[in-house]
PDB file of N, CA and C in Angstrom:
ATOM      1  N   MET A   1      -8.262  -1.862-108.232  1.00  0.00           N
ATOM      2  CA  MET A   1      -7.238  -2.113-107.242  1.00  0.00           C
ATOM      3  C   MET A   1      -7.790  -1.911-105.842  1.00  0.00           C
ATOM      4  N   LYS A   2      -7.223  -2.652-104.914  1.00  0.00           N
ATOM      5  CA  LYS A   2      -7.509  -2.508-103.487  1.00  0.00           C
ATOM      6  C   LYS A   2      -6.219  -2.045-102.820  1.00  0.00           C
ATOM      7  N   PHE A   3      -6.353  -1.418-101.658  1.00  0.00           N
ATOM      8  CA  PHE A   3      -5.201  -0.841-100.975  1.00  0.00           C
ATOM      9  C   PHE A   3      -5.255  -1.129 -99.482  1.00  0.00           C
ATOM     10  N   ILE A   4      -4.066  -1.206 -98.874  1.00  0.00           N
ATOM     11  CA  ILE A   4      -3.953  -1.219 -97.423  1.00  0.00           C
ATOM     12  C   ILE A   4      -3.100  -0.026 -97.014  1.00  0.00           C
ATOM     13  N   LEU A   5      -3.313   0.426 -95.800  1.00  0.00           N
ATOM     14  CA  LEU A   5      -2.588   1.572 -95.270  1.00  0.00           C
ATOM     15  C   LEU A   5      -1.382   1.095 -94.472  1.00  0.00           C
ATOM     16  N   VAL A   6      -0.225   1.643 -94.796  1.00  0.00           N
ATOM     17  CA  VAL A   6       1.002   1.415 -94.031  1.00  0.00           C
ATOM     18  C   VAL A   6       1.467   2.784 -93.556  1.00  0.00           C
ATOM     19  N   LEU A   7       1.660   2.921 -92.244  1.00  0.00           N
ATOM     20  CA  LEU A   7       1.961   4.212 -91.647  1.00  0.00           C
ATOM     21  C   LEU A   7       3.197   4.108 -90.758  1.00  0.00           C
ATOM     22  N   TRP A   8       4.060   5.106 -90.851  1.00  0.00           N
ATOM     23  CA  TRP A   8       5.256   5.194 -90.008  1.00  0.00           C
ATOM     24  C   TRP A   8       5.155   6.435 -89.142  1.00  0.00           C
ATOM     25  N   VAL A   9       5.627   6.340 -87.899  1.00  0.00           N
ATOM     26  CA  VAL A   9       5.808   7.509 -87.046  1.00  0.00           C
ATOM     27  C   VAL A   9       7.301   7.806 -87.054  1.00  0.00           C
ATOM     28  N   CYS A  10       7.639   9.042 -87.368  1.00  0.00           N
ATOM     29  CA  CYS A  10       9.039   9.417 -87.542  1.00  0.00           C
ATOM     30  C   CYS A  10       9.356  10.685 -86.758  1.00  0.00           C
ATOM     31  N   SER A  11      10.649  10.869 -86.494  1.00  0.00           N
ATOM     32  CA  SER A  11      11.145  12.095 -85.901  1.00  0.00           C
ATOM     33  C   SER A  11      11.727  12.955 -87.023  1.00  0.00           C
ATOM     34  N   PHE A  12      11.264  14.186 -87.095  1.00  0.00           N
ATOM     35  CA  PHE A  12      11.692  15.118 -88.127  1.00  0.00           C
ATOM     36  C   PHE A  12      12.549  16.238 -87.534  1.00  0.00           C
ATOM     37  N   LEU A  13      13.470  15.872 -86.640  1.00  0.00           N
ATOM     38  CA  LEU A  13      14.345  16.871 -86.030  1.00  0.00           C
ATOM     39  C   LEU A  13      15.237  17.511 -87.095  1.00  0.00           C
ATOM     40  N   PRO A  14      15.317  18.837 -87.098  1.00  0.00           N
ATOM     41  CA  PRO A  14      16.163  19.518 -88.080  1.00  0.00           C
ATOM     42  C   PRO A  14      17.629  19.102 -87.933  1.00  0.00           C
ATOM     43  N   GLY A  15      18.296  18.896 -89.059  1.00  0.00           N
ATOM     44  CA  GLY A  15      19.708  18.550 -89.056  1.00  0.00           C
ATOM     45  C   GLY A  15      20.007  17.107 -88.689  1.00  0.00           C
ATOM     46  N   GLN A  16      18.969  16.317 -88.477  1.00  0.00           N
ATOM     47  CA  GLN A  16      19.140  14.909 -88.111  1.00  0.00           C
ATOM     48  C   GLN A  16      18.581  14.031 -89.243  1.00  0.00           C
ATOM     49  N   PRO A  17      19.127  12.827 -89.397  1.00  0.00           N
ATOM     50  CA  PRO A  17      18.538  11.915 -90.380  1.00  0.00           C
ATOM     51  C   PRO A  17      17.140  11.496 -89.919  1.00  0.00           C
ATOM     52  N   LEU A  18      16.297  11.209 -90.865  1.00  0.00           N
ATOM     53  CA  LEU A  18      14.943  10.756 -90.566  1.00  0.00           C
ATOM     54  C   LEU A  18      15.007   9.425 -89.827  1.00  0.00           C
ATOM     55  N   VAL A  19      14.383   9.374 -88.659  1.00  0.00           N
ATOM     56  CA  VAL A  19      14.339   8.150 -87.856  1.00  0.00           C
ATOM     57  C   VAL A  19      12.874   7.777 -87.687  1.00  0.00           C
ATOM     58  N   CYS A  20      12.521   6.543 -88.074  1.00  0.00           N
ATOM     59  CA  CYS A  20      11.126   6.104 -88.012  1.00  0.00           C
ATOM     60  C   CYS A  20      10.997   4.822 -87.192  1.00  0.00           C
ATOM     61  N   PHE A  21       9.876   4.698 -86.518  1.00  0.00           N
ATOM     62  CA  PHE A  21       9.528   3.448 -85.853  1.00  0.00           C
ATOM     63  C   PHE A  21       9.109   2.437 -86.926  1.00  0.00           C
ATOM     64  N   PRO A  22       9.062   1.148 -86.571  1.00  0.00           N
ATOM     65  CA  PRO A  22       8.618   0.152 -87.556  1.00  0.00           C
ATOM     66  C   PRO A  22       7.221   0.502 -88.097  1.00  0.00           C
ATOM     67  N   PRO A  23       6.942   0.117 -89.337  1.00  0.00           N
ATOM     68  CA  PRO A  23       5.658   0.466 -89.944  1.00  0.00           C
ATOM     69  C   PRO A  23       4.488  -0.228 -89.263  1.00  0.00           C
ATOM     70  N   MET A  24       3.361   0.458 -89.276  1.00  0.00           N
ATOM     71  CA  MET A  24       2.098  -0.103 -88.794  1.00  0.00           C
ATOM     72  C   MET A  24       1.240  -0.397 -90.021  1.00  0.00           C
ATOM     73  N   LYS A  25       0.738  -1.619 -90.111  1.00  0.00           N
ATOM     74  CA  LYS A  25      -0.176  -1.979 -91.199  1.00  0.00           C
ATOM     75  C   LYS A  25      -1.576  -2.073 -90.615  1.00  0.00           C
ATOM     76  N   PHE A  26      -2.512  -1.424 -91.268  1.00  0.00           N
ATOM     77  CA  PHE A  26      -3.887  -1.402 -90.803  1.00  0.00           C
ATOM     78  C   PHE A  26      -4.688  -2.472 -91.541  1.00  0.00           C
ATOM     79  N   PRO A  27      -5.647  -3.107 -90.853  1.00  0.00           N
ATOM     80  CA  PRO A  27      -6.347  -4.254 -91.442  1.00  0.00           C
ATOM     81  C   PRO A  27      -7.398  -3.903 -92.498  1.00  0.00           C
ATOM     82  N   THR A  28      -7.808  -2.665 -92.554  1.00  0.00           N
ATOM     83  CA  THR A  28      -8.854  -2.275 -93.506  1.00  0.00           C
ATOM     84  C   THR A  28      -8.356  -2.411 -94.943  1.00  0.00           C
ATOM     85  N   ILE A  29      -9.202  -2.928 -95.800  1.00  0.00           N
ATOM     86  CA  ILE A  29      -8.938  -2.975 -97.240  1.00  0.00           C
ATOM     87  C   ILE A  29      -9.763  -1.852 -97.869  1.00  0.00           C
ATOM     88  N   TYR A  30      -9.084  -0.947 -98.541  1.00  0.00           N
ATOM     89  CA  TYR A  30      -9.753   0.207 -99.142  1.00  0.00           C
ATOM     90  C   TYR A  30      -9.998  -0.058-100.626  1.00  0.00           C
ATOM     91  N   ASN A  31     -11.092   0.477-101.107  1.00  0.00           N
ATOM     92  CA  ASN A  31     -11.460   0.299-102.514  1.00  0.00           C
ATOM     93  C   ASN A  31     -10.786   1.306-103.441  1.00  0.00           C
ATOM     94  N   SER A  32     -10.180   2.338-102.856  1.00  0.00           N
ATOM     95  CA  SER A  32      -9.537   3.361-103.690  1.00  0.00           C
ATOM     96  C   SER A  32      -8.382   4.004-102.927  1.00  0.00           C
ATOM     97  N   TRP A  33      -7.469   4.586-103.693  1.00  0.00           N
ATOM     98  CA  TRP A  33      -6.363   5.348-103.096  1.00  0.00           C
ATOM     99  C   TRP A  33      -6.939   6.492-102.263  1.00  0.00           C
ATOM    100  N   TYR A  34      -7.963   7.127-102.778  1.00  0.00           N
ATOM    101  CA  TYR A  34      -8.605   8.250-102.084  1.00  0.00           C
ATOM    102  C   TYR A  34      -9.046   7.854-100.676  1.00  0.00           C
ATOM    103  N   GLU A  35      -9.799   6.760-100.555  1.00  0.00           N
ATOM    104  CA  GLU A  35     -10.284   6.315 -99.243  1.00  0.00           C
ATOM    105  C   GLU A  35      -9.127   6.020 -98.298  1.00  0.00           C
ATOM    106  N   CYS A  36      -8.113   5.369 -98.804  1.00  0.00           N
ATOM    107  CA  CYS A  36      -6.938   5.034 -98.003  1.00  0.00           C
ATOM    108  C   CYS A  36      -6.215   6.299 -97.555  1.00  0.00           C
ATOM    109  N   SER A  37      -6.025   7.231 -98.460  1.00  0.00           N
ATOM    110  CA  SER A  37      -5.311   8.456 -98.148  1.00  0.00           C
ATOM    111  C   SER A  37      -6.058   9.293 -97.113  1.00  0.00           C
ATOM    112  N   ILE A  38      -7.358   9.395 -97.243  1.00  0.00           N
ATOM    113  CA  ILE A  38      -8.160  10.136 -96.266  1.00  0.00           C
ATOM    114  C   ILE A  38      -8.036   9.479 -94.896  1.00  0.00           C
ATOM    115  N   ASP A  39      -8.124   8.160 -94.830  1.00  0.00           N
ATOM    116  CA  ASP A  39      -8.028   7.471 -93.545  1.00  0.00           C
ATOM    117  C   ASP A  39      -6.617   7.568 -92.963  1.00  0.00           C
ATOM    118  N   ALA A  40      -5.613   7.682 -93.809  1.00  0.00           N
ATOM    119  CA  ALA A  40      -4.241   7.848 -93.318  1.00  0.00           C
ATOM    120  C   ALA A  40      -4.142   9.077 -92.421  1.00  0.00           C
ATOM    121  N   HIS A  41      -4.818  10.126 -92.782  1.00  0.00           N
ATOM    122  CA  HIS A  41      -4.785  11.342 -91.979  1.00  0.00           C
ATOM    123  C   HIS A  41      -5.552  11.158 -90.666  1.00  0.00           C
ATOM    124  N   THR A  42      -6.657  10.466 -90.724  1.00  0.00           N
ATOM    125  CA  THR A  42      -7.421  10.165 -89.507  1.00  0.00           C
ATOM    126  C   THR A  42      -6.602   9.301 -88.560  1.00  0.00           C
ATOM    127  N   GLN A  43      -5.979   8.248 -89.097  1.00  0.00           N
ATOM    128  CA  GLN A  43      -5.164   7.345 -88.270  1.00  0.00           C
ATOM    129  C   GLN A  43      -3.932   8.062 -87.730  1.00  0.00           C
ATOM    130  N   SER A  44      -3.327   8.924 -88.536  1.00  0.00           N
ATOM    131  CA  SER A  44      -2.160   9.689 -88.083  1.00  0.00           C
ATOM    132  C   SER A  44      -2.517  10.540 -86.872  1.00  0.00           C
ATOM    133  N   LYS A  45      -3.649  11.186 -86.934  1.00  0.00           N
ATOM    134  CA  LYS A  45      -4.091  12.028 -85.824  1.00  0.00           C
ATOM    135  C   LYS A  45      -4.281  11.188 -84.557  1.00  0.00           C
ATOM    136  N   LYS A  46      -4.883  10.018 -84.697  1.00  0.00           N
ATOM    137  CA  LYS A  46      -5.094   9.138 -83.544  1.00  0.00           C
ATOM    138  C   LYS A  46      -3.760   8.694 -82.939  1.00  0.00           C
ATOM    139  N   VAL A  47      -2.832   8.291 -83.789  1.00  0.00           N
ATOM    140  CA  VAL A  47      -1.531   7.809 -83.319  1.00  0.00           C
ATOM    141  C   VAL A  47      -0.775   8.925 -82.604  1.00  0.00           C
ATOM    142  N   LEU A  48      -0.720  10.113 -83.201  1.00  0.00           N
ATOM    143  CA  LEU A  48      -0.001  11.218 -82.580  1.00  0.00           C
ATOM    144  C   LEU A  48      -0.663  11.646 -81.268  1.00  0.00           C
ATOM    145  N   SER A  49      -1.979  11.590 -81.209  1.00  0.00           N
ATOM    146  CA  SER A  49      -2.693  11.918 -79.973  1.00  0.00           C
ATOM    147  C   SER A  49      -2.351  10.934 -78.865  1.00  0.00           C
ATOM    148  N   THR A  50      -2.182   9.673 -79.223  1.00  0.00           N
ATOM    149  CA  THR A  50      -1.814   8.641 -78.250  1.00  0.00           C
ATOM    150  C   THR A  50      -0.401   8.884 -77.715  1.00  0.00           C
ATOM    151  N   ILE A  51       0.494   9.302 -78.575  1.00  0.00           N
ATOM    152  CA  ILE A  51       1.875   9.564 -78.165  1.00  0.00           C
ATOM    153  C   ILE A  51       1.934  10.749 -77.210  1.00  0.00           C
ATOM    154  N   GLY A  52       1.140  11.752 -77.469  1.00  0.00           N
ATOM    155  CA  GLY A  52       1.041  12.886 -76.563  1.00  0.00           C
ATOM    156  C   GLY A  52       1.745  14.135 -77.045  1.00  0.00           C
ATOM    157  N   PHE A  53       1.200  15.248 -76.609  1.00  0.00           N
ATOM    158  CA  PHE A  53       1.641  16.579 -77.006  1.00  0.00           C
ATOM    159  C   PHE A  53       3.129  16.800 -76.752  1.00  0.00           C
ATOM    160  N   LYS A  54       3.590  16.514 -75.547  1.00  0.00           N
ATOM    161  CA  LYS A  54       4.973  16.810 -75.167  1.00  0.00           C
ATOM    162  C   LYS A  54       5.974  16.024 -76.004  1.00  0.00           C
ATOM    163  N   ARG A  55       5.778  14.726 -76.114  1.00  0.00           N
ATOM    164  CA  ARG A  55       6.741  13.894 -76.864  1.00  0.00           C
ATOM    165  C   ARG A  55       6.735  14.253 -78.349  1.00  0.00           C
ATOM    166  N   VAL A  56       5.563  14.460 -78.904  1.00  0.00           N
ATOM    167  CA  VAL A  56       5.469  14.844 -80.323  1.00  0.00           C
ATOM    168  C   VAL A  56       6.234  16.143 -80.563  1.00  0.00           C
ATOM    169  N   ASN A  57       6.065  17.109 -79.674  1.00  0.00           N
ATOM    170  CA  ASN A  57       6.771  18.388 -79.819  1.00  0.00           C
ATOM    171  C   ASN A  57       8.259  18.258 -79.562  1.00  0.00           C
ATOM    172  N   ASP A  58       8.633  17.508 -78.513  1.00  0.00           N
ATOM    173  CA  ASP A  58      10.047  17.408 -78.130  1.00  0.00           C
ATOM    174  C   ASP A  58      10.919  16.830 -79.237  1.00  0.00           C
ATOM    175  N   ILE A  59      10.433  15.802 -79.922  1.00  0.00           N
ATOM    176  CA  ILE A  59      11.271  15.185 -80.955  1.00  0.00           C
ATOM    177  C   ILE A  59      10.682  15.339 -82.361  1.00  0.00           C
ATOM    178  N   LYS A  60       9.797  16.328 -82.495  1.00  0.00           N
ATOM    179  CA  LYS A  60       9.238  16.701 -83.807  1.00  0.00           C
ATOM    180  C   LYS A  60       8.698  15.479 -84.548  1.00  0.00           C
ATOM    181  N   MET A  61       7.806  14.755 -83.892  1.00  0.00           N
ATOM    182  CA  MET A  61       7.243  13.550 -84.489  1.00  0.00           C
ATOM    183  C   MET A  61       6.159  13.891 -85.500  1.00  0.00           C
ATOM    184  N   GLY A  62       6.094  13.089 -86.519  1.00  0.00           N
ATOM    185  CA  GLY A  62       5.069  13.197 -87.540  1.00  0.00           C
ATOM    186  C   GLY A  62       4.893  11.833 -88.168  1.00  0.00           C
ATOM    187  N   THR A  63       4.042  11.762 -89.156  1.00  0.00           N
ATOM    188  CA  THR A  63       3.803  10.481 -89.814  1.00  0.00           C
ATOM    189  C   THR A  63       4.078  10.588 -91.308  1.00  0.00           C
ATOM    190  N   LYS A  64       4.362   9.451 -91.878  1.00  0.00           N
ATOM    191  CA  LYS A  64       4.392   9.312 -93.328  1.00  0.00           C
ATOM    192  C   LYS A  64       3.638   8.020 -93.622  1.00  0.00           C
ATOM    193  N   TYR A  65       3.089   7.914 -94.814  1.00  0.00           N
ATOM    194  CA  TYR A  65       2.285   6.745 -95.135  1.00  0.00           C
ATOM    195  C   TYR A  65       2.369   6.398 -96.603  1.00  0.00           C
ATOM    196  N   ILE A  66       1.904   5.198 -96.870  1.00  0.00           N
ATOM    197  CA  ILE A  66       1.706   4.764 -98.252  1.00  0.00           C
ATOM    198  C   ILE A  66       0.428   3.932 -98.288  1.00  0.00           C
ATOM    199  N   CYS A  67      -0.276   4.030 -99.369  1.00  0.00           N
ATOM    200  CA  CYS A  67      -1.414   3.168 -99.623  1.00  0.00           C
ATOM    201  C   CYS A  67      -0.919   2.111-100.615  1.00  0.00           C
ATOM    202  N   LYS A  68      -0.704   0.912-100.089  1.00  0.00           N
ATOM    203  CA  LYS A  68      -0.067  -0.146-100.868  1.00  0.00           C
ATOM    204  C   LYS A  68      -1.110  -0.971-101.607  1.00  0.00           C
ATOM    205  N   GLU A  69      -0.872  -1.167-102.892  1.00  0.00           N
ATOM    206  CA  GLU A  69      -1.785  -1.983-103.692  1.00  0.00           C
ATOM    207  C   GLU A  69      -1.716  -3.437-103.232  1.00  0.00           C
ATOM    208  N   VAL A  70      -2.873  -4.057-103.093  1.00  0.00           N
ATOM    209  CA  VAL A  70      -2.916  -5.449-102.644  1.00  0.00           C
ATOM    210  C   VAL A  70      -3.638  -6.365-103.619  1.00  0.00           C
ATOM    211  N   GLY A  71      -4.109  -5.861-104.714  1.00  0.00           N
ATOM    212  CA  GLY A  71      -4.748  -6.732-105.693  1.00  0.00           C
ATOM    213  C   GLY A  71      -5.694  -5.930-106.563  1.00  0.00           C
ATOM    214  N   THR A  72      -6.405  -6.630-107.414  1.00  0.00           N
ATOM    215  CA  THR A  72      -7.358  -5.989-108.312  1.00  0.00           C
ATOM    216  C   THR A  72      -8.769  -6.346-107.879  1.00  0.00           C
ATOM    217  N   SER A  73      -9.676  -5.449-108.160  1.00  0.00           N
ATOM    218  CA  SER A  73     -11.082  -5.737-107.858  1.00  0.00           C
ATOM    219  C   SER A  73     -11.663  -6.582-108.988  1.00  0.00           C
ATOM    220  N   ALA A  74     -12.598  -7.418-108.620  1.00  0.00           N
ATOM    221  CA  ALA A  74     -13.213  -8.313-109.614  1.00  0.00           C
ATOM    222  C   ALA A  74     -14.335  -7.651-110.347  1.00  0.00           C
TER     223      ALA A  74
END
């Protein structure tokens, strides 16, 4: 199987429903769930760093992700 990374940035404010921005799909095709999952954490860090310390803290932003299957390897 091959995988692509789909990542959401969400607000995790206590007592509030989960609110997420539209998903981001990354162009890399991963050969394993492991590779995709490891990169999800790297990409999450980059995205949150771009948003900035204050905004991430103010609305308790974080990420969630999935490594979506896109086919089988030959």
